[in-house]
């Protein structure tokens, strides 16, 4: 159950940078997306808090931030036209390898 909570926390961790990205336009702030980002932040932190009851703190935090970082990286490429260079992809793969290594240890 703790790992499910942690995966959900990581998914919420992806939501808040997306909300911030969509919350700012050339014409100003889109408040609904900022509120979405704040809700994602709160949910993410709460789920991490709950997951850390059964998962070591360092592992939980690394997995949580790894999901958020690689998830936001992927969303940026797929939906916002961020660069998908080989070096960026290899770097994201190293994050995934570190998270998997922590899970297996």
PDB file of N, CA and C in Angstrom:
ATOM      1  N   UNK A   1       0.823  -1.202   0.000  1.00  0.00           N
ATOM      2  CA  UNK A   1       0.000   0.000   0.000  1.00  0.00           C
ATOM      3  C   UNK A   1       0.862   1.259   0.000  1.00  0.00           C
ATOM      4  N   UNK A   2       1.970   1.223   0.752  1.00  0.00           N
ATOM      5  CA  UNK A   2       2.842   2.397   0.830  1.00  0.00           C
ATOM      6  C   UNK A   2       3.417   2.745  -0.542  1.00  0.00           C
ATOM      7  N   UNK A   3       3.775   1.713  -1.323  1.00  0.00           N
ATOM      8  CA  UNK A   3       4.325   1.985  -2.647  1.00  0.00           C
ATOM      9  C   UNK A   3       3.266   2.566  -3.582  1.00  0.00           C
ATOM     10  N   UNK A   4       2.036   2.141  -3.433  1.00  0.00           N
ATOM     11  CA  UNK A   4       0.951   2.726  -4.226  1.00  0.00           C
ATOM     12  C   UNK A   4       0.786   4.201  -3.875  1.00  0.00           C
ATOM     13  N   UNK A   5       0.810   4.508  -2.581  1.00  0.00           N
ATOM     14  CA  UNK A   5       0.723   5.913  -2.153  1.00  0.00           C
ATOM     15  C   UNK A   5       1.882   6.724  -2.717  1.00  0.00           C
ATOM     16  N   UNK A   6       3.076   6.123  -2.719  1.00  0.00           N
ATOM     17  CA  UNK A   6       4.239   6.832  -3.227  1.00  0.00           C
ATOM     18  C   UNK A   6       4.130   7.073  -4.729  1.00  0.00           C
ATOM     19  N   UNK A   7       3.634   6.098  -5.468  1.00  0.00           N
ATOM     20  CA  UNK A   7       3.440   6.293  -6.909  1.00  0.00           C
ATOM     21  C   UNK A   7       2.402   7.378  -7.185  1.00  0.00           C
ATOM     22  N   UNK A   8       1.343   7.395  -6.399  1.00  0.00           N
ATOM     23  CA  UNK A   8       0.345   8.462  -6.543  1.00  0.00           C
ATOM     24  C   UNK A   8       0.934   9.828  -6.186  1.00  0.00           C
ATOM     25  N   UNK A   9       1.780   9.855  -5.164  1.00  0.00           N
ATOM     26  CA  UNK A   9       2.457  11.096  -4.792  1.00  0.00           C
ATOM     27  C   UNK A   9       3.331  11.579  -5.937  1.00  0.00           C
ATOM     28  N   UNK A  10       4.035  10.650  -6.579  1.00  0.00           N
ATOM     29  CA  UNK A  10       4.868  11.017  -7.720  1.00  0.00           C
ATOM     30  C   UNK A  10       4.052  11.552  -8.883  1.00  0.00           C
ATOM     31  N   UNK A  11       2.889  10.947  -9.121  1.00  0.00           N
ATOM     32  CA  UNK A  11       2.013  11.446 -10.190  1.00  0.00           C
ATOM     33  C   UNK A  11       1.547  12.863  -9.889  1.00  0.00           C
ATOM     34  N   UNK A  12       1.214  13.127  -8.642  1.00  0.00           N
ATOM     35  CA  UNK A  12       0.813  14.482  -8.256  1.00  0.00           C
ATOM     36  C   UNK A  12       1.991  15.452  -8.371  1.00  0.00           C
ATOM     37  N   UNK A  13       3.188  14.935  -8.158  1.00  0.00           N
ATOM     38  CA  UNK A  13       4.392  15.755  -8.273  1.00  0.00           C
ATOM     39  C   UNK A  13       4.596  16.224  -9.713  1.00  0.00           C
ATOM     40  N   UNK A  14       4.106  15.465 -10.669  1.00  0.00           N
ATOM     41  CA  UNK A  14       4.146  15.879 -12.074  1.00  0.00           C
ATOM     42  C   UNK A  14       3.116  16.979 -12.328  1.00  0.00           C
ATOM     43  N   UNK A  15       2.001  16.923 -11.625  1.00  0.00           N
ATOM     44  CA  UNK A  15       0.888  17.847 -11.881  1.00  0.00           C
ATOM     45  C   UNK A  15       1.187  19.297 -11.575  1.00  0.00           C
ATOM     46  N   UNK A  16       1.970  19.558 -10.533  1.00  0.00           N
ATOM     47  CA  UNK A  16       2.128  20.968 -10.179  1.00  0.00           C
ATOM     48  C   UNK A  16       3.001  21.755 -11.144  1.00  0.00           C
ATOM     49  N   UNK A  17       4.088  21.219 -11.713  1.00  0.00           N
ATOM     50  CA  UNK A  17       4.782  22.026 -12.719  1.00  0.00           C
ATOM     51  C   UNK A  17       3.949  22.222 -13.982  1.00  0.00           C
ATOM     52  N   UNK A  18       3.127  21.223 -14.311  1.00  0.00           N
ATOM     53  CA  UNK A  18       2.229  21.375 -15.458  1.00  0.00           C
ATOM     54  C   UNK A  18       1.228  22.495 -15.176  1.00  0.00           C
ATOM     55  N   UNK A  19       0.674  22.505 -13.963  1.00  0.00           N
ATOM     56  CA  UNK A  19      -0.257  23.572 -13.595  1.00  0.00           C
ATOM     57  C   UNK A  19       0.381  24.946 -13.661  1.00  0.00           C
ATOM     58  N   UNK A  20       1.630  25.047 -13.200  1.00  0.00           N
ATOM     59  CA  UNK A  20       2.331  26.336 -13.286  1.00  0.00           C
ATOM     60  C   UNK A  20       2.607  26.720 -14.731  1.00  0.00           C
ATOM     61  N   UNK A  21       2.979  25.747 -15.556  1.00  0.00           N
ATOM     62  CA  UNK A  21       3.253  26.023 -16.975  1.00  0.00           C
ATOM     63  C   UNK A  21       2.003  26.547 -17.665  1.00  0.00           C
ATOM     64  N   UNK A  22       0.865  25.897 -17.409  1.00  0.00           N
ATOM     65  CA  UNK A  22      -0.390  26.314 -18.033  1.00  0.00           C
ATOM     66  C   UNK A  22      -1.015  27.526 -17.340  1.00  0.00           C
ATOM     67  N   UNK A  23      -0.544  27.821 -16.142  1.00  0.00           N
ATOM     68  CA  UNK A  23      -1.116  28.934 -15.379  1.00  0.00           C
ATOM     69  C   UNK A  23      -0.597  30.291 -15.780  1.00  0.00           C
ATOM     70  N   UNK A  24       0.420  30.317 -16.612  1.00  0.00           N
ATOM     71  CA  UNK A  24       0.965  31.602 -17.044  1.00  0.00           C
ATOM     72  C   UNK A  24       0.901  31.685 -18.559  1.00  0.00           C
ATOM     73  N   UNK A  25       0.303  32.745 -19.047  1.00  0.00           N
ATOM     74  CA  UNK A  25       0.243  32.981 -20.492  1.00  0.00           C
ATOM     75  C   UNK A  25       0.768  34.375 -20.771  1.00  0.00           C
ATOM     76  N   UNK A  26       0.908  34.700 -22.013  1.00  0.00           N
ATOM     77  CA  UNK A  26       1.354  36.029 -22.405  1.00  0.00           C
ATOM     78  C   UNK A  26       0.383  37.126 -21.986  1.00  0.00           C
ATOM     79  N   UNK A  27      -0.850  36.744 -21.734  1.00  0.00           N
ATOM     80  CA  UNK A  27      -1.853  37.720 -21.324  1.00  0.00           C
ATOM     81  C   UNK A  27      -2.068  37.773 -19.817  1.00  0.00           C
ATOM     82  N   UNK A  28      -1.387  36.899 -19.083  1.00  0.00           N
ATOM     83  CA  UNK A  28      -1.502  36.933 -17.628  1.00  0.00           C
ATOM     84  C   UNK A  28      -1.716  35.565 -17.008  1.00  0.00           C
ATOM     85  N   UNK A  29      -2.152  35.592 -15.776  1.00  0.00           N
ATOM     86  CA  UNK A  29      -2.316  34.376 -14.982  1.00  0.00           C
ATOM     87  C   UNK A  29      -3.672  33.732 -15.246  1.00  0.00           C
ATOM     88  N   UNK A  30      -3.657  32.406 -15.340  1.00  0.00           N
ATOM     89  CA  UNK A  30      -4.888  31.619 -15.424  1.00  0.00           C
ATOM     90  C   UNK A  30      -5.042  30.934 -14.071  1.00  0.00           C
ATOM     91  N   UNK A  31      -5.845  31.526 -13.230  1.00  0.00           N
ATOM     92  CA  UNK A  31      -5.955  31.130 -11.829  1.00  0.00           C
ATOM     93  C   UNK A  31      -6.346  29.668 -11.643  1.00  0.00           C
ATOM     94  N   UNK A  32      -7.178  29.134 -12.505  1.00  0.00           N
ATOM     95  CA  UNK A  32      -7.615  27.745 -12.337  1.00  0.00           C
ATOM     96  C   UNK A  32      -6.428  26.783 -12.405  1.00  0.00           C
ATOM     97  N   UNK A  33      -5.464  27.050 -13.263  1.00  0.00           N
ATOM     98  CA  UNK A  33      -4.283  26.185 -13.354  1.00  0.00           C
ATOM     99  C   UNK A  33      -3.361  26.367 -12.159  1.00  0.00           C
ATOM    100  N   UNK A  34      -3.287  27.563 -11.620  1.00  0.00           N
ATOM    101  CA  UNK A  34      -2.484  27.794 -10.413  1.00  0.00           C
ATOM    102  C   UNK A  34      -3.107  27.032  -9.236  1.00  0.00           C
ATOM    103  N   UNK A  35      -4.423  27.069  -9.128  1.00  0.00           N
ATOM    104  CA  UNK A  35      -5.119  26.320  -8.074  1.00  0.00           C
ATOM    105  C   UNK A  35      -4.882  24.823  -8.263  1.00  0.00           C
ATOM    106  N   UNK A  36      -4.938  24.357  -9.508  1.00  0.00           N
ATOM    107  CA  UNK A  36      -4.637  22.950  -9.800  1.00  0.00           C
ATOM    108  C   UNK A  36      -3.232  22.590  -9.297  1.00  0.00           C
ATOM    109  N   UNK A  37      -2.259  23.451  -9.568  1.00  0.00           N
ATOM    110  CA  UNK A  37      -0.881  23.212  -9.113  1.00  0.00           C
ATOM    111  C   UNK A  37      -0.820  23.129  -7.595  1.00  0.00           C
ATOM    112  N   UNK A  38      -1.499  24.002  -6.909  1.00  0.00           N
ATOM    113  CA  UNK A  38      -1.493  24.000  -5.447  1.00  0.00           C
ATOM    114  C   UNK A  38      -2.150  22.745  -4.875  1.00  0.00           C
ATOM    115  N   UNK A  39      -3.212  22.302  -5.513  1.00  0.00           N
ATOM    116  CA  UNK A  39      -3.870  21.061  -5.089  1.00  0.00           C
ATOM    117  C   UNK A  39      -2.924  19.877  -5.297  1.00  0.00           C
ATOM    118  N   UNK A  40      -2.241  19.850  -6.438  1.00  0.00           N
ATOM    119  CA  UNK A  40      -1.279  18.771  -6.702  1.00  0.00           C
ATOM    120  C   UNK A  40      -0.153  18.780  -5.682  1.00  0.00           C
ATOM    121  N   UNK A  41       0.340  19.958  -5.336  1.00  0.00           N
ATOM    122  CA  UNK A  41       1.404  20.057  -4.327  1.00  0.00           C
ATOM    123  C   UNK A  41       0.948  19.479  -2.993  1.00  0.00           C
ATOM    124  N   UNK A  42      -0.238  19.871  -2.578  1.00  0.00           N
ATOM    125  CA  UNK A  42      -0.765  19.413  -1.287  1.00  0.00           C
ATOM    126  C   UNK A  42      -0.977  17.903  -1.293  1.00  0.00           C
ATOM    127  N   UNK A  43      -1.577  17.394  -2.356  1.00  0.00           N
ATOM    128  CA  UNK A  43      -1.807  15.955  -2.450  1.00  0.00           C
ATOM    129  C   UNK A  43      -0.488  15.195  -2.493  1.00  0.00           C
ATOM    130  N   UNK A  44       0.469  15.700  -3.250  1.00  0.00           N
ATOM    131  CA  UNK A  44       1.768  15.053  -3.370  1.00  0.00           C
ATOM    132  C   UNK A  44       2.473  14.956  -2.022  1.00  0.00           C
ATOM    133  N   UNK A  45       2.522  16.058  -1.311  1.00  0.00           N
ATOM    134  CA  UNK A  45       3.191  16.073  -0.005  1.00  0.00           C
ATOM    135  C   UNK A  45       2.469  15.179   1.002  1.00  0.00           C
ATOM    136  N   UNK A  46       1.152  15.195   0.981  1.00  0.00           N
ATOM    137  CA  UNK A  46       0.375  14.366   1.904  1.00  0.00           C
ATOM    138  C   UNK A  46       0.606  12.880   1.633  1.00  0.00           C
ATOM    139  N   UNK A  47       0.581  12.507   0.363  1.00  0.00           N
ATOM    140  CA  UNK A  47       0.797  11.098   0.018  1.00  0.00           C
ATOM    141  C   UNK A  47       2.225  10.657   0.340  1.00  0.00           C
ATOM    142  N   UNK A  48       3.202  11.538   0.122  1.00  0.00           N
ATOM    143  CA  UNK A  48       4.578  11.222   0.512  1.00  0.00           C
ATOM    144  C   UNK A  48       4.665  11.019   2.019  1.00  0.00           C
ATOM    145  N   UNK A  49       4.042  11.892   2.762  1.00  0.00           N
ATOM    146  CA  UNK A  49       4.002  11.789   4.225  1.00  0.00           C
ATOM    147  C   UNK A  49       3.475  10.420   4.651  1.00  0.00           C
ATOM    148  N   UNK A  50       2.387   9.988   4.028  1.00  0.00           N
ATOM    149  CA  UNK A  50       1.790   8.703   4.380  1.00  0.00           C
ATOM    150  C   UNK A  50       2.665   7.526   3.946  1.00  0.00           C
ATOM    151  N   UNK A  51       3.285   7.620   2.786  1.00  0.00           N
ATOM    152  CA  UNK A  51       4.125   6.530   2.284  1.00  0.00           C
ATOM    153  C   UNK A  51       5.361   6.330   3.152  1.00  0.00           C
ATOM    154  N   UNK A  52       5.880   7.419   3.708  1.00  0.00           N
ATOM    155  CA  UNK A  52       7.108   7.335   4.504  1.00  0.00           C
ATOM    156  C   UNK A  52       6.907   6.607   5.836  1.00  0.00           C
ATOM    157  N   UNK A  53       5.684   6.277   6.170  1.00  0.00           N
ATOM    158  CA  UNK A  53       5.464   5.473   7.375  1.00  0.00           C
ATOM    159  C   UNK A  53       6.072   4.095   7.215  1.00  0.00           C
ATOM    160  N   UNK A  54       6.095   3.566   5.977  1.00  0.00           N
ATOM    161  CA  UNK A  54       6.564   2.208   5.738  1.00  0.00           C
ATOM    162  C   UNK A  54       7.773   2.110   4.806  1.00  0.00           C
ATOM    163  N   UNK A  55       8.112   3.194   4.145  1.00  0.00           N
ATOM    164  CA  UNK A  55       9.251   3.208   3.216  1.00  0.00           C
ATOM    165  C   UNK A  55      10.321   4.108   3.811  1.00  0.00           C
ATOM    166  N   UNK A  56      11.582   3.683   3.787  1.00  0.00           N
ATOM    167  CA  UNK A  56      12.641   4.548   4.325  1.00  0.00           C
ATOM    168  C   UNK A  56      12.613   5.942   3.686  1.00  0.00           C
ATOM    169  N   UNK A  57      12.858   6.961   4.499  1.00  0.00           N
ATOM    170  CA  UNK A  57      12.734   8.346   4.061  1.00  0.00           C
ATOM    171  C   UNK A  57      13.550   8.646   2.807  1.00  0.00           C
ATOM    172  N   UNK A  58      14.814   8.258   2.790  1.00  0.00           N
ATOM    173  CA  UNK A  58      15.669   8.561   1.645  1.00  0.00           C
ATOM    174  C   UNK A  58      15.178   7.909   0.369  1.00  0.00           C
ATOM    175  N   UNK A  59      14.733   6.674   0.482  1.00  0.00           N
ATOM    176  CA  UNK A  59      14.204   5.957  -0.678  1.00  0.00           C
ATOM    177  C   UNK A  59      12.918   6.610  -1.160  1.00  0.00           C
ATOM    178  N   UNK A  60      12.016   6.888  -0.235  1.00  0.00           N
ATOM    179  CA  UNK A  60      10.740   7.498  -0.614  1.00  0.00           C
ATOM    180  C   UNK A  60      10.950   8.847  -1.288  1.00  0.00           C
ATOM    181  N   UNK A  61      11.838   9.651  -0.716  1.00  0.00           N
ATOM    182  CA  UNK A  61      12.061  10.976  -1.281  1.00  0.00           C
ATOM    183  C   UNK A  61      12.697  10.883  -2.663  1.00  0.00           C
ATOM    184  N   UNK A  62      13.672   9.991  -2.835  1.00  0.00           N
ATOM    185  CA  UNK A  62      14.326   9.848  -4.134  1.00  0.00           C
ATOM    186  C   UNK A  62      13.351   9.341  -5.203  1.00  0.00           C
ATOM    187  N   UNK A  63      12.522   8.378  -4.840  1.00  0.00           N
ATOM    188  CA  UNK A  63      11.533   7.864  -5.793  1.00  0.00           C
ATOM    189  C   UNK A  63      10.528   8.954  -6.141  1.00  0.00           C
ATOM    190  N   UNK A  64      10.061   9.668  -5.146  1.00  0.00           N
ATOM    191  CA  UNK A  64       9.080  10.743  -5.339  1.00  0.00           C
ATOM    192  C   UNK A  64       9.620  11.819  -6.268  1.00  0.00           C
ATOM    193  N   UNK A  65      10.811  12.305  -5.980  1.00  0.00           N
ATOM    194  CA  UNK A  65      11.384  13.358  -6.829  1.00  0.00           C
ATOM    195  C   UNK A  65      11.750  12.811  -8.205  1.00  0.00           C
ATOM    196  N   UNK A  66      12.182  11.541  -8.263  1.00  0.00           N
ATOM    197  CA  UNK A  66      12.511  10.946  -9.559  1.00  0.00           C
ATOM    198  C   UNK A  66      11.296  10.840 -10.462  1.00  0.00           C
ATOM    199  N   UNK A  67      10.187  10.382  -9.898  1.00  0.00           N
ATOM    200  CA  UNK A  67       8.943  10.314 -10.684  1.00  0.00           C
ATOM    201  C   UNK A  67       8.553  11.706 -11.157  1.00  0.00           C
ATOM    202  N   UNK A  68       8.632  12.673 -10.254  1.00  0.00           N
ATOM    203  CA  UNK A  68       8.271  14.039 -10.623  1.00  0.00           C
ATOM    204  C   UNK A  68       9.174  14.602 -11.703  1.00  0.00           C
ATOM    205  N   UNK A  69      10.485  14.402 -11.563  1.00  0.00           N
ATOM    206  CA  UNK A  69      11.443  14.967 -12.518  1.00  0.00           C
ATOM    207  C   UNK A  69      11.310  14.318 -13.897  1.00  0.00           C
ATOM    208  N   UNK A  70      11.319  12.994 -13.932  1.00  0.00           N
ATOM    209  CA  UNK A  70      11.238  12.303 -15.214  1.00  0.00           C
ATOM    210  C   UNK A  70       9.838  12.465 -15.819  1.00  0.00           C
ATOM    211  N   UNK A  71       8.824  12.469 -14.979  1.00  0.00           N
ATOM    212  CA  UNK A  71       7.463  12.682 -15.480  1.00  0.00           C
ATOM    213  C   UNK A  71       7.286  14.060 -16.084  1.00  0.00           C
ATOM    214  N   UNK A  72       7.775  15.093 -15.394  1.00  0.00           N
ATOM    215  CA  UNK A  72       7.668  16.454 -15.928  1.00  0.00           C
ATOM    216  C   UNK A  72       8.505  16.598 -17.195  1.00  0.00           C
ATOM    217  N   UNK A  73       9.668  15.963 -17.216  1.00  0.00           N
ATOM    218  CA  UNK A  73      10.521  15.956 -18.402  1.00  0.00           C
ATOM    219  C   UNK A  73       9.770  15.351 -19.593  1.00  0.00           C
ATOM    220  N   UNK A  74       9.117  14.229 -19.366  1.00  0.00           N
ATOM    221  CA  UNK A  74       8.376  13.539 -20.425  1.00  0.00           C
ATOM    222  C   UNK A  74       7.181  14.356 -20.892  1.00  0.00           C
ATOM    223  N   UNK A  75       6.427  14.913 -19.959  1.00  0.00           N
ATOM    224  CA  UNK A  75       5.281  15.755 -20.322  1.00  0.00           C
ATOM    225  C   UNK A  75       5.756  16.969 -21.118  1.00  0.00           C
ATOM    226  N   UNK A  76       6.882  17.539 -20.713  1.00  0.00           N
ATOM    227  CA  UNK A  76       7.434  18.681 -21.449  1.00  0.00           C
ATOM    228  C   UNK A  76       7.745  18.345 -22.894  1.00  0.00           C
ATOM    229  N   UNK A  77       8.309  17.169 -23.106  1.00  0.00           N
ATOM    230  CA  UNK A  77       8.629  16.743 -24.474  1.00  0.00           C
ATOM    231  C   UNK A  77       7.353  16.468 -25.269  1.00  0.00           C
ATOM    232  N   UNK A  78       6.430  15.731 -24.656  1.00  0.00           N
ATOM    233  CA  UNK A  78       5.231  15.299 -25.385  1.00  0.00           C
ATOM    234  C   UNK A  78       4.233  16.415 -25.662  1.00  0.00           C
ATOM    235  N   UNK A  79       4.122  17.373 -24.736  1.00  0.00           N
ATOM    236  CA  UNK A  79       3.043  18.354 -24.856  1.00  0.00           C
ATOM    237  C   UNK A  79       3.489  19.807 -24.986  1.00  0.00           C
ATOM    238  N   UNK A  80       4.739  20.104 -24.645  1.00  0.00           N
ATOM    239  CA  UNK A  80       5.174  21.495 -24.652  1.00  0.00           C
ATOM    240  C   UNK A  80       6.350  21.764 -25.577  1.00  0.00           C
ATOM    241  N   UNK A  81       6.717  20.789 -26.373  1.00  0.00           N
ATOM    242  CA  UNK A  81       7.770  20.999 -27.352  1.00  0.00           C
ATOM    243  C   UNK A  81       9.174  21.122 -26.779  1.00  0.00           C
ATOM    244  N   UNK A  82       9.396  20.618 -25.573  1.00  0.00           N
ATOM    245  CA  UNK A  82      10.740  20.642 -25.004  1.00  0.00           C
ATOM    246  C   UNK A  82      11.666  19.752 -25.834  1.00  0.00           C
ATOM    247  N   UNK A  83      12.935  20.085 -25.820  1.00  0.00           N
ATOM    248  CA  UNK A  83      13.919  19.335 -26.604  1.00  0.00           C
ATOM    249  C   UNK A  83      14.049  17.895 -26.105  1.00  0.00           C
ATOM    250  N   UNK A  84      14.171  16.973 -27.045  1.00  0.00           N
ATOM    251  CA  UNK A  84      14.356  15.555 -26.722  1.00  0.00           C
ATOM    252  C   UNK A  84      15.703  15.111 -27.273  1.00  0.00           C
ATOM    253  N   UNK A  85      16.758  15.758 -26.828  1.00  0.00           N
ATOM    254  CA  UNK A  85      18.091  15.421 -27.311  1.00  0.00           C
ATOM    255  C   UNK A  85      18.574  14.126 -26.659  1.00  0.00           C
ATOM    256  N   UNK A  86      19.496  13.441 -27.314  1.00  0.00           N
ATOM    257  CA  UNK A  86      20.015  12.199 -26.726  1.00  0.00           C
ATOM    258  C   UNK A  86      20.592  12.400 -25.324  1.00  0.00           C
ATOM    259  N   UNK A  87      21.279  13.500 -25.087  1.00  0.00           N
ATOM    260  CA  UNK A  87      21.871  13.746 -23.771  1.00  0.00           C
ATOM    261  C   UNK A  87      20.791  13.938 -22.706  1.00  0.00           C
ATOM    262  N   UNK A  88      19.732  14.658 -23.032  1.00  0.00           N
ATOM    263  CA  UNK A  88      18.644  14.853 -22.075  1.00  0.00           C
ATOM    264  C   UNK A  88      17.949  13.526 -21.765  1.00  0.00           C
ATOM    265  N   UNK A  89      17.721  12.725 -22.789  1.00  0.00           N
ATOM    266  CA  UNK A  89      17.067  11.429 -22.592  1.00  0.00           C
ATOM    267  C   UNK A  89      17.963  10.499 -21.773  1.00  0.00           C
ATOM    268  N   UNK A  90      19.255  10.476 -22.082  1.00  0.00           N
ATOM    269  CA  UNK A  90      20.189   9.644 -21.309  1.00  0.00           C
ATOM    270  C   UNK A  90      20.231  10.089 -19.849  1.00  0.00           C
ATOM    271  N   UNK A  91      20.184  11.382 -19.610  1.00  0.00           N
ATOM    272  CA  UNK A  91      20.206  11.889 -18.238  1.00  0.00           C
ATOM    273  C   UNK A  91      18.953  11.473 -17.484  1.00  0.00           C
ATOM    274  N   UNK A  92      17.806  11.539 -18.139  1.00  0.00           N
ATOM    275  CA  UNK A  92      16.561  11.088 -17.511  1.00  0.00           C
ATOM    276  C   UNK A  92      16.627   9.583 -17.236  1.00  0.00           C
ATOM    277  N   UNK A  93      17.232   8.837 -18.142  1.00  0.00           N
ATOM    278  CA  UNK A  93      17.376   7.393 -17.939  1.00  0.00           C
ATOM    279  C   UNK A  93      18.251   7.102 -16.716  1.00  0.00           C
ATOM    280  N   UNK A  94      19.252   7.923 -16.474  1.00  0.00           N
ATOM    281  CA  UNK A  94      20.084   7.740 -15.288  1.00  0.00           C
ATOM    282  C   UNK A  94      19.283   7.970 -14.007  1.00  0.00           C
ATOM    283  N   UNK A  95      18.357   8.938 -14.046  1.00  0.00           N
ATOM    284  CA  UNK A  95      17.484   9.165 -12.885  1.00  0.00           C
ATOM    285  C   UNK A  95      16.639   7.914 -12.639  1.00  0.00           C
ATOM    286  N   UNK A  96      16.061   7.374 -13.703  1.00  0.00           N
ATOM    287  CA  UNK A  96      15.242   6.166 -13.578  1.00  0.00           C
ATOM    288  C   UNK A  96      16.079   5.010 -13.029  1.00  0.00           C
ATOM    289  N   UNK A  97      17.295   4.856 -13.523  1.00  0.00           N
ATOM    290  CA  UNK A  97      18.170   3.779 -13.037  1.00  0.00           C
ATOM    291  C   UNK A  97      18.449   3.949 -11.551  1.00  0.00           C
ATOM    292  N   UNK A  98      18.661   5.167 -11.102  1.00  0.00           N
ATOM    293  CA  UNK A  98      18.907   5.402  -9.673  1.00  0.00           C
ATOM    294  C   UNK A  98      17.698   5.074  -8.823  1.00  0.00           C
ATOM    295  N   UNK A  99      16.526   5.444  -9.300  1.00  0.00           N
ATOM    296  CA  UNK A  99      15.295   5.155  -8.558  1.00  0.00           C
ATOM    297  C   UNK A  99      15.055   3.653  -8.489  1.00  0.00           C
ATOM    298  N   UNK A 100      15.249   2.962  -9.605  1.00  0.00           N
ATOM    299  CA  UNK A 100      15.085   1.506  -9.608  1.00  0.00           C
ATOM    300  C   UNK A 100      16.086   0.863  -8.664  1.00  0.00           C
ATOM    301  N   UNK A 101      17.320   1.356  -8.678  1.00  0.00           N
ATOM    302  CA  UNK A 101      18.335   0.819  -7.792  1.00  0.00           C
ATOM    303  C   UNK A 101      17.959   0.983  -6.323  1.00  0.00           C
ATOM    304  N   UNK A 102      17.417   2.130  -5.976  1.00  0.00           N
ATOM    305  CA  UNK A 102      16.985   2.347  -4.591  1.00  0.00           C
ATOM    306  C   UNK A 102      15.833   1.426  -4.216  1.00  0.00           C
ATOM    307  N   UNK A 103      14.939   1.209  -5.140  1.00  0.00           N
ATOM    308  CA  UNK A 103      13.797   0.315  -4.871  1.00  0.00           C
ATOM    309  C   UNK A 103      14.276  -1.109  -4.648  1.00  0.00           C
ATOM    310  N   UNK A 104      15.281  -1.517  -5.411  1.00  0.00           N
ATOM    311  CA  UNK A 104      15.772  -2.891  -5.317  1.00  0.00           C
ATOM    312  C   UNK A 104      16.667  -3.113  -4.104  1.00  0.00           C
ATOM    313  N   UNK A 105      17.262  -2.057  -3.583  1.00  0.00           N
ATOM    314  CA  UNK A 105      18.224  -2.200  -2.479  1.00  0.00           C
ATOM    315  C   UNK A 105      17.534  -2.454  -1.156  1.00  0.00           C
TER     316      UNK A 105
END
